Each structure stands twice: as structure tokens, then as C-alpha cells.
């Protein structure tokens, strides 16, 4: 099987076009100006940076961001630490990263530390950066309520690729699913909506890692 790094390098030359989800509040509206400036990085760091046994939080994501910025302090990933920049981030849980590593390696690792180490050793900071940026949608933050009303919308990511929004069900049972570029695997679903709501940067926890190429 081709490695994720090889596939992403090949896909980098492909130009992807999309129509971004139009947020109902204009960038210069009073509502937009009133949004707070707590960054996604601050939210991720709130419970410390320890890799633990809770597969439902975002320790591996935080470690991935740290790895990229340690390699390149000028990386575009640094936007996640700038609470003045408006964006929506889709945040894979630790379990989501474990499933990705299993798909790539064929092995199920039982500790977050081993998952994080495998990614660094076998994927590398540059490819991790590409994947992380595919989870970031620049522009006015998209709340869960807005996403539920946006079935069929296409989001343009900071990586340059697109994600399609699919909404399953209605009302309180509506679920937002994100269609990535890997068309023969399960698509991520939003499980923890509106993390950091009320700020210029908002995140939605998802149960799988978005893939910018077809693995």
C-alpha cells in the first residue's frame, strides 16, 4: 500500500476548487467583532499536554500541532494559536488517530504515545502539517447549528482541498458528516460540536481523521 506521504505529495499538484460555506454574519458585523479571541491551541492545552488513556479527547492532535511547529515555527498551522484569526477546525479525537494508524500500518496500538510516535516516525512533520491544514477552514466560524443547515455545501480548507458537508437526519437527531477525498472509507462525523463557541476560532470534535487524498 502506498504511504500517506507519497499520496499527499502526488496530490499536492492537483488544483482543487470549491465554494466555501457562506457564514450568515459578515466579517465586519457587530456580532463578528464581539467574538472572543481564545485560540484553539489554548483550548487543546487547557488539560495539559500529557498523552493519557482517554481516547475521546485531543491529546494526539495537540502533539501533532506541537511537532509541526517545532519543525517549522512559520508553519501555517500556527494560525491555530492566533485567536484573532477566524476559522473553523475539525478536531480528530485520539481514537480517530489510532484508527488512521491502524489503516496505514495494520496495527492497533494501545497507547496514545505509541500512536503519536508512529505518526512522527512513519509520516513525518511535513505530511502531518498537510493533514492538519486539511482540518482547518478559514473564515467566519461555522457553528453546529449553521452546519446542520448546510447539507451539500463545500468547504475550502487551509490545505487547498475541499470537504463536503452531508447532514443525516432531522432536528435534534441531525448528524453532520464530512466527506473527504478518500472515497472508499468511512467519513468522519461531528461528535463534539461547538468547542470554543463564542470565539473567532471554533472547533468540532470528529471521530475520524479527514483524508486529503484517496488512500
N, C-alpha and C. Protein backbone atom coordinates (compact mmCIF):
# COMPACT_ATOMS: atom_id res chain seq x y z
N UNK A 1 0.84 -1.19 0.00
CA UNK A 1 0.00 0.00 0.00
C UNK A 1 0.88 1.24 0.00
N UNK A 2 0.54 2.22 -0.81
CA UNK A 2 1.29 3.47 -0.84
C UNK A 2 1.20 4.15 0.51
N UNK A 3 2.27 4.84 0.87
CA UNK A 3 2.24 5.56 2.13
C UNK A 3 1.43 6.83 1.98
N UNK A 4 0.94 7.34 3.11
CA UNK A 4 0.17 8.57 3.09
C UNK A 4 1.02 9.72 2.57
N UNK A 5 2.32 9.72 2.92
CA UNK A 5 3.21 10.80 2.49
C UNK A 5 3.33 10.83 0.97
N UNK A 6 3.48 9.66 0.36
CA UNK A 6 3.60 9.60 -1.09
C UNK A 6 2.34 10.09 -1.76
N UNK A 7 1.20 9.68 -1.25
CA UNK A 7 -0.07 10.08 -1.85
C UNK A 7 -0.31 11.58 -1.73
N UNK A 8 0.02 12.14 -0.59
CA UNK A 8 -0.19 13.57 -0.40
C UNK A 8 0.77 14.37 -1.27
N UNK A 9 2.00 13.91 -1.41
CA UNK A 9 2.95 14.60 -2.27
C UNK A 9 2.47 14.61 -3.71
N UNK A 10 1.87 13.50 -4.15
CA UNK A 10 1.34 13.43 -5.51
C UNK A 10 0.14 14.32 -5.68
N UNK A 11 -0.66 14.41 -4.64
CA UNK A 11 -1.89 15.20 -4.73
C UNK A 11 -1.64 16.69 -4.63
N UNK A 12 -0.46 17.07 -4.19
CA UNK A 12 -0.17 18.49 -3.96
C UNK A 12 -0.23 19.31 -5.24
N UNK A 13 -0.04 18.65 -6.39
CA UNK A 13 -0.03 19.39 -7.65
C UNK A 13 -1.42 19.53 -8.25
N UNK A 14 -2.39 18.89 -7.62
CA UNK A 14 -3.75 18.94 -8.14
C UNK A 14 -4.47 20.17 -7.59
N UNK A 15 -4.97 21.03 -8.45
CA UNK A 15 -5.69 22.22 -8.01
C UNK A 15 -7.12 21.85 -7.71
N UNK A 16 -7.58 22.16 -6.52
CA UNK A 16 -8.94 21.85 -6.11
C UNK A 16 -9.71 23.15 -5.95
N UNK A 17 -10.91 23.22 -6.53
CA UNK A 17 -11.72 24.42 -6.39
C UNK A 17 -13.01 24.07 -5.67
N UNK A 18 -13.52 25.02 -4.91
CA UNK A 18 -14.75 24.77 -4.15
C UNK A 18 -15.40 26.09 -3.78
N UNK A 19 -16.66 26.00 -3.38
CA UNK A 19 -17.37 27.16 -2.88
C UNK A 19 -17.46 27.04 -1.37
N UNK A 20 -16.88 27.98 -0.65
CA UNK A 20 -16.88 27.92 0.80
C UNK A 20 -18.27 28.20 1.34
N UNK A 21 -18.55 27.61 2.50
CA UNK A 21 -19.83 27.84 3.16
C UNK A 21 -19.92 29.30 3.56
N UNK A 22 -20.96 29.96 3.13
CA UNK A 22 -21.12 31.38 3.45
C UNK A 22 -21.69 31.51 4.85
N UNK A 23 -20.95 32.13 5.74
CA UNK A 23 -21.43 32.34 7.10
C UNK A 23 -22.45 33.47 7.09
N UNK A 24 -23.52 33.34 7.86
CA UNK A 24 -24.56 34.35 7.83
C UNK A 24 -24.13 35.71 8.37
N UNK A 25 -23.08 35.72 9.22
CA UNK A 25 -22.62 37.00 9.78
C UNK A 25 -21.44 37.49 8.98
N UNK A 26 -21.51 38.71 8.48
CA UNK A 26 -20.40 39.27 7.71
C UNK A 26 -19.20 39.49 8.62
N UNK A 27 -18.02 39.51 8.01
CA UNK A 27 -16.80 39.59 8.81
C UNK A 27 -16.73 40.88 9.63
N UNK A 28 -17.35 41.95 9.14
CA UNK A 28 -17.26 43.21 9.85
C UNK A 28 -18.55 43.56 10.60
N UNK A 29 -19.42 42.58 10.82
CA UNK A 29 -20.67 42.84 11.53
C UNK A 29 -20.40 42.99 13.02
N UNK A 30 -21.31 43.61 13.77
CA UNK A 30 -21.13 43.74 15.22
C UNK A 30 -20.97 42.40 15.90
N UNK A 31 -21.71 41.40 15.43
CA UNK A 31 -21.62 40.07 16.05
C UNK A 31 -20.22 39.50 15.89
N UNK A 32 -19.65 39.63 14.69
CA UNK A 32 -18.31 39.10 14.45
C UNK A 32 -17.28 39.80 15.33
N UNK A 33 -17.41 41.14 15.49
CA UNK A 33 -16.45 41.88 16.30
C UNK A 33 -16.55 41.50 17.77
N UNK A 34 -17.71 41.02 18.20
CA UNK A 34 -17.91 40.70 19.60
C UNK A 34 -17.35 39.33 19.97
N UNK A 35 -16.96 38.54 18.99
CA UNK A 35 -16.45 37.21 19.27
C UNK A 35 -15.14 37.29 20.05
N UNK A 36 -14.95 36.32 20.96
CA UNK A 36 -13.73 36.28 21.76
C UNK A 36 -12.52 35.86 20.95
N UNK A 37 -11.35 35.92 21.59
CA UNK A 37 -10.10 35.62 20.89
C UNK A 37 -9.34 34.45 21.51
N UNK A 38 -10.04 33.61 22.25
CA UNK A 38 -9.40 32.38 22.74
C UNK A 38 -9.11 31.47 21.55
N UNK A 39 -7.89 30.99 21.45
CA UNK A 39 -7.50 30.19 20.29
C UNK A 39 -7.77 28.70 20.51
N UNK A 40 -7.79 27.98 19.42
CA UNK A 40 -7.94 26.52 19.50
C UNK A 40 -6.77 25.92 20.28
N UNK A 41 -5.58 26.45 20.08
CA UNK A 41 -4.40 25.94 20.79
C UNK A 41 -4.58 26.07 22.31
N UNK A 42 -5.15 27.18 22.74
CA UNK A 42 -5.40 27.37 24.17
C UNK A 42 -6.37 26.33 24.71
N UNK A 43 -7.38 26.02 23.92
CA UNK A 43 -8.38 25.03 24.34
C UNK A 43 -7.74 23.65 24.44
N UNK A 44 -6.92 23.30 23.46
CA UNK A 44 -6.26 22.00 23.47
C UNK A 44 -5.31 21.86 24.65
N UNK A 45 -4.68 22.98 25.04
CA UNK A 45 -3.69 22.94 26.11
C UNK A 45 -4.30 23.04 27.50
N UNK A 46 -5.60 23.25 27.57
CA UNK A 46 -6.25 23.52 28.86
C UNK A 46 -6.09 22.37 29.86
N UNK A 47 -6.05 21.12 29.36
CA UNK A 47 -5.93 19.98 30.27
C UNK A 47 -4.52 19.42 30.31
N UNK A 48 -3.55 20.24 29.89
CA UNK A 48 -2.16 19.78 29.87
C UNK A 48 -1.84 19.07 28.56
N UNK A 49 -0.58 18.72 28.40
CA UNK A 49 -0.15 18.10 27.14
C UNK A 49 0.18 16.63 27.28
N UNK A 50 -0.25 16.02 28.37
CA UNK A 50 0.07 14.62 28.63
C UNK A 50 -0.74 13.68 27.75
N UNK A 51 -0.07 12.72 27.14
CA UNK A 51 -0.75 11.65 26.42
C UNK A 51 -1.24 10.65 27.46
N UNK A 52 -2.55 10.42 27.51
CA UNK A 52 -3.12 9.63 28.59
C UNK A 52 -3.89 8.43 28.05
N UNK A 53 -4.87 7.96 28.80
CA UNK A 53 -5.65 6.79 28.40
C UNK A 53 -7.07 7.16 27.97
N UNK A 54 -7.34 8.45 27.85
CA UNK A 54 -8.66 8.90 27.41
C UNK A 54 -8.64 9.11 25.90
N UNK A 55 -9.19 8.15 25.17
CA UNK A 55 -9.15 8.19 23.71
C UNK A 55 -10.19 9.14 23.12
N UNK A 56 -10.99 9.78 23.97
CA UNK A 56 -12.05 10.66 23.48
C UNK A 56 -11.64 12.13 23.42
N UNK A 57 -10.45 12.45 23.93
CA UNK A 57 -10.04 13.86 23.88
C UNK A 57 -9.04 14.07 22.74
N UNK A 58 -8.22 15.11 22.80
CA UNK A 58 -7.47 15.56 21.62
C UNK A 58 -5.97 15.70 21.88
N UNK A 59 -5.42 14.80 22.70
CA UNK A 59 -4.01 14.89 23.05
C UNK A 59 -3.09 14.66 21.85
N UNK A 60 -3.43 13.71 20.99
CA UNK A 60 -2.58 13.41 19.83
C UNK A 60 -2.63 14.57 18.84
N UNK A 61 -3.79 15.19 18.70
CA UNK A 61 -3.89 16.38 17.85
C UNK A 61 -2.98 17.47 18.36
N UNK A 62 -3.01 17.71 19.67
CA UNK A 62 -2.14 18.73 20.25
C UNK A 62 -0.67 18.38 20.01
N UNK A 63 -0.32 17.10 20.18
CA UNK A 63 1.05 16.66 19.95
C UNK A 63 1.45 16.86 18.49
N UNK A 64 0.51 16.62 17.58
CA UNK A 64 0.79 16.80 16.15
C UNK A 64 1.07 18.26 15.83
N UNK A 65 0.26 19.16 16.39
CA UNK A 65 0.48 20.59 16.19
C UNK A 65 1.84 21.00 16.73
N UNK A 66 2.18 20.51 17.92
CA UNK A 66 3.47 20.82 18.55
C UNK A 66 4.63 20.32 17.70
N UNK A 67 4.48 19.12 17.14
CA UNK A 67 5.52 18.54 16.29
C UNK A 67 5.78 19.40 15.07
N UNK A 68 4.71 19.82 14.43
CA UNK A 68 4.84 20.64 13.22
C UNK A 68 5.51 21.98 13.53
N UNK A 69 5.08 22.63 14.59
CA UNK A 69 5.62 23.95 14.92
C UNK A 69 7.06 23.86 15.42
N UNK A 70 7.43 22.72 16.03
CA UNK A 70 8.82 22.53 16.44
C UNK A 70 9.71 22.39 15.21
N UNK A 71 9.17 21.80 14.16
CA UNK A 71 9.92 21.62 12.91
C UNK A 71 9.98 22.92 12.11
N UNK A 72 8.87 23.66 12.12
CA UNK A 72 8.78 24.90 11.34
C UNK A 72 7.90 25.90 12.07
N UNK A 73 8.54 26.82 12.76
CA UNK A 73 7.79 27.80 13.54
C UNK A 73 6.94 28.73 12.69
N UNK A 74 7.24 28.80 11.40
CA UNK A 74 6.48 29.66 10.49
C UNK A 74 5.36 28.90 9.77
N UNK A 75 5.12 27.66 10.17
CA UNK A 75 4.08 26.86 9.52
C UNK A 75 2.72 27.54 9.63
N UNK A 76 1.91 27.34 8.60
CA UNK A 76 0.54 27.89 8.61
C UNK A 76 -0.29 27.30 9.74
N UNK A 77 0.14 26.18 10.29
CA UNK A 77 -0.57 25.57 11.42
C UNK A 77 -0.59 26.52 12.63
N UNK A 78 0.36 27.46 12.68
CA UNK A 78 0.42 28.41 13.79
C UNK A 78 -0.84 29.25 13.91
N UNK A 79 -1.66 29.28 12.86
CA UNK A 79 -2.91 30.05 12.93
C UNK A 79 -3.80 29.55 14.06
N UNK A 80 -3.65 28.27 14.42
CA UNK A 80 -4.47 27.70 15.49
C UNK A 80 -4.14 28.31 16.86
N UNK A 81 -3.02 29.02 16.94
CA UNK A 81 -2.64 29.68 18.18
C UNK A 81 -2.91 31.18 18.15
N UNK A 82 -3.48 31.66 17.07
CA UNK A 82 -3.78 33.09 16.92
C UNK A 82 -5.29 33.29 17.00
N UNK A 83 -5.76 33.56 18.19
CA UNK A 83 -7.19 33.67 18.41
C UNK A 83 -7.87 34.83 17.70
N UNK A 84 -7.08 35.73 17.11
CA UNK A 84 -7.67 36.84 16.36
C UNK A 84 -8.06 36.42 14.94
N UNK A 85 -7.54 35.29 14.49
CA UNK A 85 -7.84 34.80 13.14
C UNK A 85 -9.09 33.92 13.18
N UNK A 86 -10.07 34.24 12.35
CA UNK A 86 -11.32 33.50 12.35
C UNK A 86 -11.18 32.20 11.53
N UNK A 87 -11.65 31.10 12.12
CA UNK A 87 -11.58 29.82 11.43
C UNK A 87 -12.47 28.80 12.12
N UNK A 88 -12.70 27.71 11.39
CA UNK A 88 -13.36 26.53 11.95
C UNK A 88 -12.39 25.37 11.83
N UNK A 89 -12.18 24.65 12.93
CA UNK A 89 -11.28 23.50 12.91
C UNK A 89 -12.07 22.23 13.23
N UNK A 90 -11.80 21.19 12.49
CA UNK A 90 -12.37 19.88 12.79
C UNK A 90 -11.28 19.08 13.50
N UNK A 91 -11.58 18.69 14.74
CA UNK A 91 -10.57 18.12 15.62
C UNK A 91 -10.75 16.62 15.80
N UNK A 92 -9.87 15.80 15.22
CA UNK A 92 -9.97 14.35 15.40
C UNK A 92 -9.62 13.96 16.84
N UNK A 93 -10.37 13.03 17.38
CA UNK A 93 -10.06 12.51 18.71
C UNK A 93 -8.83 11.63 18.66
N UNK A 94 -8.32 11.28 19.83
CA UNK A 94 -7.19 10.35 19.89
C UNK A 94 -7.53 9.01 19.24
N UNK A 95 -8.76 8.55 19.45
CA UNK A 95 -9.19 7.30 18.84
C UNK A 95 -9.19 7.41 17.31
N UNK A 96 -9.54 8.58 16.80
CA UNK A 96 -9.53 8.79 15.35
C UNK A 96 -8.12 8.61 14.79
N UNK A 97 -7.13 9.13 15.50
CA UNK A 97 -5.74 8.96 15.05
C UNK A 97 -5.32 7.49 15.16
N UNK A 98 -5.78 6.81 16.20
CA UNK A 98 -5.44 5.39 16.33
C UNK A 98 -6.00 4.60 15.15
N UNK A 99 -7.21 4.93 14.71
CA UNK A 99 -7.79 4.24 13.56
C UNK A 99 -7.03 4.54 12.28
N UNK A 100 -6.55 5.79 12.14
CA UNK A 100 -5.75 6.14 10.97
C UNK A 100 -4.46 5.33 10.94
N UNK A 101 -3.79 5.25 12.07
CA UNK A 101 -2.54 4.49 12.14
C UNK A 101 -2.79 3.01 11.85
N UNK A 102 -3.90 2.49 12.33
CA UNK A 102 -4.23 1.09 12.03
C UNK A 102 -4.41 0.89 10.53
N UNK A 103 -5.09 1.83 9.86
CA UNK A 103 -5.29 1.73 8.41
C UNK A 103 -3.96 1.78 7.67
N UNK A 104 -3.02 2.59 8.16
CA UNK A 104 -1.74 2.75 7.48
C UNK A 104 -0.74 1.65 7.80
N UNK A 105 -0.80 1.14 9.02
CA UNK A 105 0.22 0.18 9.48
C UNK A 105 -0.28 -1.25 9.63
N UNK A 106 -1.61 -1.37 9.76
CA UNK A 106 -2.19 -2.69 10.02
C UNK A 106 -2.13 -3.09 11.49
N UNK A 107 -1.64 -2.18 12.35
CA UNK A 107 -1.51 -2.49 13.77
C UNK A 107 -2.39 -1.57 14.61
N UNK A 108 -2.91 -2.13 15.71
CA UNK A 108 -3.68 -1.33 16.66
C UNK A 108 -2.81 -1.09 17.88
N UNK A 109 -2.41 0.14 18.08
CA UNK A 109 -1.57 0.48 19.23
C UNK A 109 -2.45 0.81 20.44
N UNK A 110 -1.99 0.38 21.60
CA UNK A 110 -2.80 0.51 22.81
C UNK A 110 -2.48 1.73 23.65
N UNK A 111 -1.54 2.54 23.20
CA UNK A 111 -1.25 3.76 23.95
C UNK A 111 -1.19 4.95 23.00
N UNK A 112 -1.61 6.10 23.50
CA UNK A 112 -1.58 7.31 22.69
C UNK A 112 -0.14 7.68 22.31
N UNK A 113 0.78 7.43 23.22
CA UNK A 113 2.18 7.76 22.95
C UNK A 113 2.71 6.98 21.75
N UNK A 114 2.34 5.71 21.64
CA UNK A 114 2.82 4.89 20.53
C UNK A 114 2.19 5.33 19.22
N UNK A 115 0.92 5.75 19.27
CA UNK A 115 0.26 6.27 18.07
C UNK A 115 0.97 7.54 17.60
N UNK A 116 1.21 8.46 18.53
CA UNK A 116 1.87 9.72 18.19
C UNK A 116 3.27 9.48 17.64
N UNK A 117 4.00 8.56 18.27
CA UNK A 117 5.36 8.26 17.82
C UNK A 117 5.36 7.64 16.43
N UNK A 118 4.41 6.74 16.18
CA UNK A 118 4.34 6.11 14.85
C UNK A 118 4.11 7.16 13.77
N UNK A 119 3.25 8.10 14.04
CA UNK A 119 2.96 9.14 13.05
C UNK A 119 4.21 9.96 12.73
N UNK A 120 4.94 10.35 13.75
CA UNK A 120 6.15 11.15 13.53
C UNK A 120 7.19 10.34 12.78
N UNK A 121 7.39 9.09 13.17
CA UNK A 121 8.44 8.26 12.58
C UNK A 121 8.12 7.82 11.16
N UNK A 122 6.85 7.60 10.86
CA UNK A 122 6.49 7.00 9.58
C UNK A 122 5.80 7.95 8.60
N UNK A 123 5.26 9.04 9.10
CA UNK A 123 4.58 10.01 8.24
C UNK A 123 5.41 11.28 8.11
N UNK A 124 5.90 11.78 9.23
CA UNK A 124 6.77 12.95 9.21
C UNK A 124 6.02 14.26 9.39
N UNK A 125 6.74 15.27 9.85
CA UNK A 125 6.13 16.55 10.19
C UNK A 125 5.51 17.24 8.99
N UNK A 126 6.14 17.14 7.82
CA UNK A 126 5.62 17.83 6.65
C UNK A 126 4.24 17.30 6.25
N UNK A 127 4.10 15.99 6.25
CA UNK A 127 2.82 15.40 5.88
C UNK A 127 1.78 15.62 6.97
N UNK A 128 2.21 15.55 8.24
CA UNK A 128 1.29 15.85 9.34
C UNK A 128 0.75 17.27 9.18
N UNK A 129 1.63 18.21 8.80
CA UNK A 129 1.20 19.59 8.57
C UNK A 129 0.11 19.65 7.49
N UNK A 130 0.32 18.93 6.38
CA UNK A 130 -0.67 18.92 5.30
C UNK A 130 -2.01 18.40 5.79
N UNK A 131 -1.98 17.33 6.57
CA UNK A 131 -3.22 16.75 7.08
C UNK A 131 -3.90 17.70 8.05
N UNK A 132 -3.14 18.32 8.93
CA UNK A 132 -3.73 19.26 9.89
C UNK A 132 -4.40 20.43 9.18
N UNK A 133 -3.75 20.97 8.16
CA UNK A 133 -4.33 22.11 7.45
C UNK A 133 -5.59 21.72 6.70
N UNK A 134 -5.73 20.45 6.37
CA UNK A 134 -6.96 19.97 5.73
C UNK A 134 -8.14 19.98 6.70
N UNK A 135 -7.85 20.11 7.97
CA UNK A 135 -8.89 20.16 9.01
C UNK A 135 -9.27 21.58 9.39
N UNK A 136 -8.68 22.57 8.73
CA UNK A 136 -8.91 23.97 9.08
C UNK A 136 -9.62 24.69 7.93
N UNK A 137 -10.74 25.34 8.26
CA UNK A 137 -11.50 26.12 7.27
C UNK A 137 -11.41 27.58 7.66
N UNK A 138 -10.64 28.39 6.92
CA UNK A 138 -10.51 29.81 7.24
C UNK A 138 -11.83 30.56 7.04
N UNK A 139 -11.97 31.66 7.76
CA UNK A 139 -13.17 32.48 7.61
C UNK A 139 -14.03 32.45 8.85
N UNK A 140 -15.14 33.15 8.80
CA UNK A 140 -16.04 33.25 9.95
C UNK A 140 -16.37 31.87 10.50
N UNK A 141 -16.34 31.70 11.83
CA UNK A 141 -16.56 30.38 12.42
C UNK A 141 -17.94 29.81 12.09
N UNK A 142 -17.96 28.53 11.80
CA UNK A 142 -19.19 27.83 11.45
C UNK A 142 -19.67 27.06 12.67
N UNK A 143 -20.80 27.42 13.21
CA UNK A 143 -21.34 26.72 14.36
C UNK A 143 -22.04 25.44 13.92
N UNK A 144 -22.32 24.57 14.88
CA UNK A 144 -23.02 23.33 14.57
C UNK A 144 -24.40 23.62 13.99
N UNK A 145 -25.07 24.64 14.52
CA UNK A 145 -26.41 25.00 14.02
C UNK A 145 -26.35 25.42 12.56
N UNK A 146 -25.31 26.13 12.18
CA UNK A 146 -25.15 26.53 10.78
C UNK A 146 -24.82 25.32 9.90
N UNK A 147 -23.98 24.43 10.41
CA UNK A 147 -23.58 23.26 9.64
C UNK A 147 -24.77 22.35 9.36
N UNK A 148 -25.67 22.22 10.33
CA UNK A 148 -26.86 21.37 10.15
C UNK A 148 -27.74 21.89 9.01
N UNK A 149 -27.68 23.18 8.76
CA UNK A 149 -28.48 23.79 7.69
C UNK A 149 -27.71 23.87 6.37
N UNK A 150 -26.56 23.23 6.30
CA UNK A 150 -25.69 23.42 5.13
C UNK A 150 -25.44 22.12 4.36
N UNK A 151 -26.44 21.26 4.32
CA UNK A 151 -26.28 19.99 3.60
C UNK A 151 -25.87 20.25 2.14
N UNK A 152 -24.79 19.59 1.71
CA UNK A 152 -24.32 19.74 0.34
C UNK A 152 -23.30 20.83 0.12
N UNK A 153 -23.05 21.66 1.14
CA UNK A 153 -22.07 22.74 1.00
C UNK A 153 -20.66 22.17 0.90
N UNK A 154 -19.80 22.88 0.19
CA UNK A 154 -18.39 22.50 0.10
C UNK A 154 -17.53 23.54 0.80
N UNK A 155 -16.63 23.07 1.63
CA UNK A 155 -15.74 23.94 2.39
C UNK A 155 -14.34 23.87 1.79
N UNK A 156 -13.71 25.02 1.62
CA UNK A 156 -12.34 25.07 1.15
C UNK A 156 -11.41 25.16 2.37
N UNK A 157 -10.48 24.25 2.48
CA UNK A 157 -9.62 24.18 3.65
C UNK A 157 -8.34 24.98 3.46
N UNK A 158 -7.61 25.17 4.56
CA UNK A 158 -6.34 25.87 4.50
C UNK A 158 -5.29 25.08 3.72
N UNK A 159 -5.52 23.80 3.54
CA UNK A 159 -4.61 22.96 2.75
C UNK A 159 -4.85 23.15 1.25
N UNK A 160 -6.04 23.67 0.90
CA UNK A 160 -6.39 23.88 -0.50
C UNK A 160 -7.38 22.88 -1.04
N UNK A 161 -7.64 21.82 -0.30
CA UNK A 161 -8.62 20.82 -0.71
C UNK A 161 -10.01 21.18 -0.24
N UNK A 162 -10.95 20.32 -0.52
CA UNK A 162 -12.34 20.59 -0.16
C UNK A 162 -12.92 19.46 0.70
N UNK A 163 -13.91 19.84 1.48
CA UNK A 163 -14.69 18.91 2.30
C UNK A 163 -16.16 19.20 2.01
N UNK A 164 -16.95 18.17 1.79
CA UNK A 164 -18.38 18.36 1.57
C UNK A 164 -19.14 18.06 2.85
N UNK A 165 -20.11 18.90 3.14
CA UNK A 165 -20.96 18.71 4.32
C UNK A 165 -22.18 17.88 3.93
N UNK A 166 -22.41 16.80 4.68
CA UNK A 166 -23.60 15.98 4.49
C UNK A 166 -24.35 15.91 5.82
N UNK A 167 -25.64 16.17 5.79
CA UNK A 167 -26.43 16.14 7.01
C UNK A 167 -27.40 14.96 6.95
N UNK A 168 -27.32 14.11 7.96
CA UNK A 168 -28.19 12.94 8.04
C UNK A 168 -29.20 13.15 9.16
N UNK A 169 -30.46 12.87 8.89
CA UNK A 169 -31.49 13.01 9.90
C UNK A 169 -32.00 14.44 9.99
N UNK A 170 -32.92 14.64 10.93
CA UNK A 170 -33.56 15.95 11.09
C UNK A 170 -33.60 16.35 12.56
N UNK A 171 -33.78 17.64 12.78
CA UNK A 171 -33.97 18.15 14.13
C UNK A 171 -32.82 17.80 15.05
N UNK A 172 -33.17 17.37 16.28
CA UNK A 172 -32.16 17.06 17.28
C UNK A 172 -31.33 15.83 16.91
N UNK A 173 -31.85 15.02 16.01
CA UNK A 173 -31.12 13.81 15.61
C UNK A 173 -30.23 14.03 14.38
N UNK A 174 -30.20 15.24 13.89
CA UNK A 174 -29.38 15.53 12.71
C UNK A 174 -27.91 15.34 13.03
N UNK A 175 -27.21 14.71 12.12
CA UNK A 175 -25.78 14.48 12.30
C UNK A 175 -25.02 15.03 11.10
N UNK A 176 -23.95 15.75 11.40
CA UNK A 176 -23.12 16.32 10.34
C UNK A 176 -21.98 15.35 10.02
N UNK A 177 -21.91 14.96 8.75
CA UNK A 177 -20.85 14.08 8.26
C UNK A 177 -20.01 14.86 7.26
N UNK A 178 -18.71 14.65 7.29
CA UNK A 178 -17.79 15.38 6.42
C UNK A 178 -17.21 14.42 5.38
N UNK A 179 -17.45 14.72 4.12
CA UNK A 179 -16.98 13.86 3.03
C UNK A 179 -15.62 14.36 2.56
N UNK A 180 -14.59 13.54 2.79
CA UNK A 180 -13.23 13.94 2.40
C UNK A 180 -12.86 13.34 1.04
N UNK A 181 -11.57 13.27 0.75
CA UNK A 181 -11.11 12.82 -0.57
C UNK A 181 -10.82 11.32 -0.62
N UNK A 182 -11.03 10.61 0.49
CA UNK A 182 -10.88 9.16 0.48
C UNK A 182 -12.27 8.56 0.33
N UNK A 183 -12.58 8.15 -0.89
CA UNK A 183 -13.97 7.81 -1.23
C UNK A 183 -14.37 6.37 -0.92
N UNK A 184 -13.43 5.56 -0.44
CA UNK A 184 -13.78 4.16 -0.16
C UNK A 184 -13.59 3.81 1.32
N UNK A 185 -13.66 4.81 2.19
CA UNK A 185 -13.57 4.57 3.62
C UNK A 185 -14.65 5.39 4.31
N UNK A 186 -14.85 5.12 5.60
CA UNK A 186 -15.87 5.82 6.35
C UNK A 186 -15.53 7.31 6.45
N UNK A 187 -16.55 8.13 6.37
CA UNK A 187 -16.36 9.57 6.51
C UNK A 187 -16.49 9.99 7.98
N UNK A 188 -15.73 10.99 8.40
CA UNK A 188 -15.83 11.47 9.78
C UNK A 188 -17.19 12.10 10.07
N UNK A 189 -17.61 11.97 11.31
CA UNK A 189 -18.84 12.61 11.76
C UNK A 189 -18.52 13.51 12.96
N UNK A 190 -19.25 14.60 13.07
CA UNK A 190 -19.07 15.51 14.21
C UNK A 190 -19.70 14.88 15.44
N UNK A 191 -18.90 14.71 16.48
CA UNK A 191 -19.36 14.11 17.73
C UNK A 191 -19.35 15.08 18.90
N UNK A 192 -18.45 16.06 18.86
CA UNK A 192 -18.36 17.05 19.92
C UNK A 192 -18.44 18.43 19.28
N UNK A 193 -19.65 18.96 19.11
CA UNK A 193 -19.80 20.24 18.40
C UNK A 193 -19.48 21.46 19.26
N UNK A 194 -19.16 22.54 18.57
CA UNK A 194 -19.07 23.87 19.18
C UNK A 194 -18.08 24.00 20.33
N UNK A 195 -16.92 23.37 20.19
CA UNK A 195 -15.85 23.58 21.16
C UNK A 195 -15.31 25.00 20.95
N UNK A 196 -15.21 25.75 22.04
CA UNK A 196 -14.74 27.15 21.98
C UNK A 196 -15.77 28.07 21.33
N UNK A 197 -17.02 27.72 21.42
CA UNK A 197 -18.09 28.55 20.84
C UNK A 197 -18.07 29.95 21.45
N UNK A 198 -18.37 30.94 20.63
CA UNK A 198 -18.36 32.33 21.08
C UNK A 198 -17.05 33.04 20.79
N UNK A 199 -16.10 32.30 20.23
CA UNK A 199 -14.81 32.87 19.87
C UNK A 199 -14.63 32.87 18.35
N UNK A 200 -13.60 33.57 17.91
CA UNK A 200 -13.34 33.65 16.47
C UNK A 200 -12.88 32.32 15.90
N UNK A 201 -12.37 31.46 16.79
CA UNK A 201 -11.98 30.12 16.38
C UNK A 201 -12.88 29.11 17.08
N UNK A 202 -13.53 28.27 16.28
CA UNK A 202 -14.43 27.27 16.83
C UNK A 202 -13.98 25.90 16.32
N UNK A 203 -14.18 24.87 17.13
CA UNK A 203 -13.78 23.52 16.74
C UNK A 203 -14.94 22.56 16.91
N UNK A 204 -14.92 21.51 16.12
CA UNK A 204 -15.89 20.43 16.24
C UNK A 204 -15.13 19.11 16.29
N UNK A 205 -15.30 18.37 17.38
CA UNK A 205 -14.62 17.09 17.51
C UNK A 205 -15.20 16.07 16.54
N UNK A 206 -14.33 15.35 15.83
CA UNK A 206 -14.78 14.35 14.85
C UNK A 206 -14.16 12.98 15.19
N UNK A 207 -14.83 11.93 14.72
CA UNK A 207 -14.45 10.58 15.12
C UNK A 207 -13.49 9.87 14.15
N UNK A 208 -13.07 10.55 13.11
CA UNK A 208 -12.06 10.02 12.20
C UNK A 208 -11.22 11.17 11.68
N UNK A 209 -10.04 10.85 11.19
CA UNK A 209 -9.16 11.86 10.62
C UNK A 209 -9.56 12.09 9.15
N UNK A 210 -9.76 13.36 8.80
CA UNK A 210 -10.06 13.71 7.41
C UNK A 210 -8.84 13.43 6.53
N UNK A 211 -9.11 12.89 5.34
CA UNK A 211 -8.01 12.49 4.45
C UNK A 211 -8.04 13.34 3.17
N UNK A 212 -6.96 14.07 2.93
CA UNK A 212 -6.94 14.94 1.75
C UNK A 212 -6.69 14.21 0.42
N UNK A 213 -6.43 12.90 0.50
CA UNK A 213 -6.22 12.08 -0.70
C UNK A 213 -6.91 10.74 -0.51
N UNK A 214 -7.08 10.01 -1.60
CA UNK A 214 -7.70 8.69 -1.55
C UNK A 214 -6.62 7.65 -1.21
N UNK A 215 -6.72 7.09 -0.03
CA UNK A 215 -5.76 6.06 0.38
C UNK A 215 -6.13 4.70 -0.17
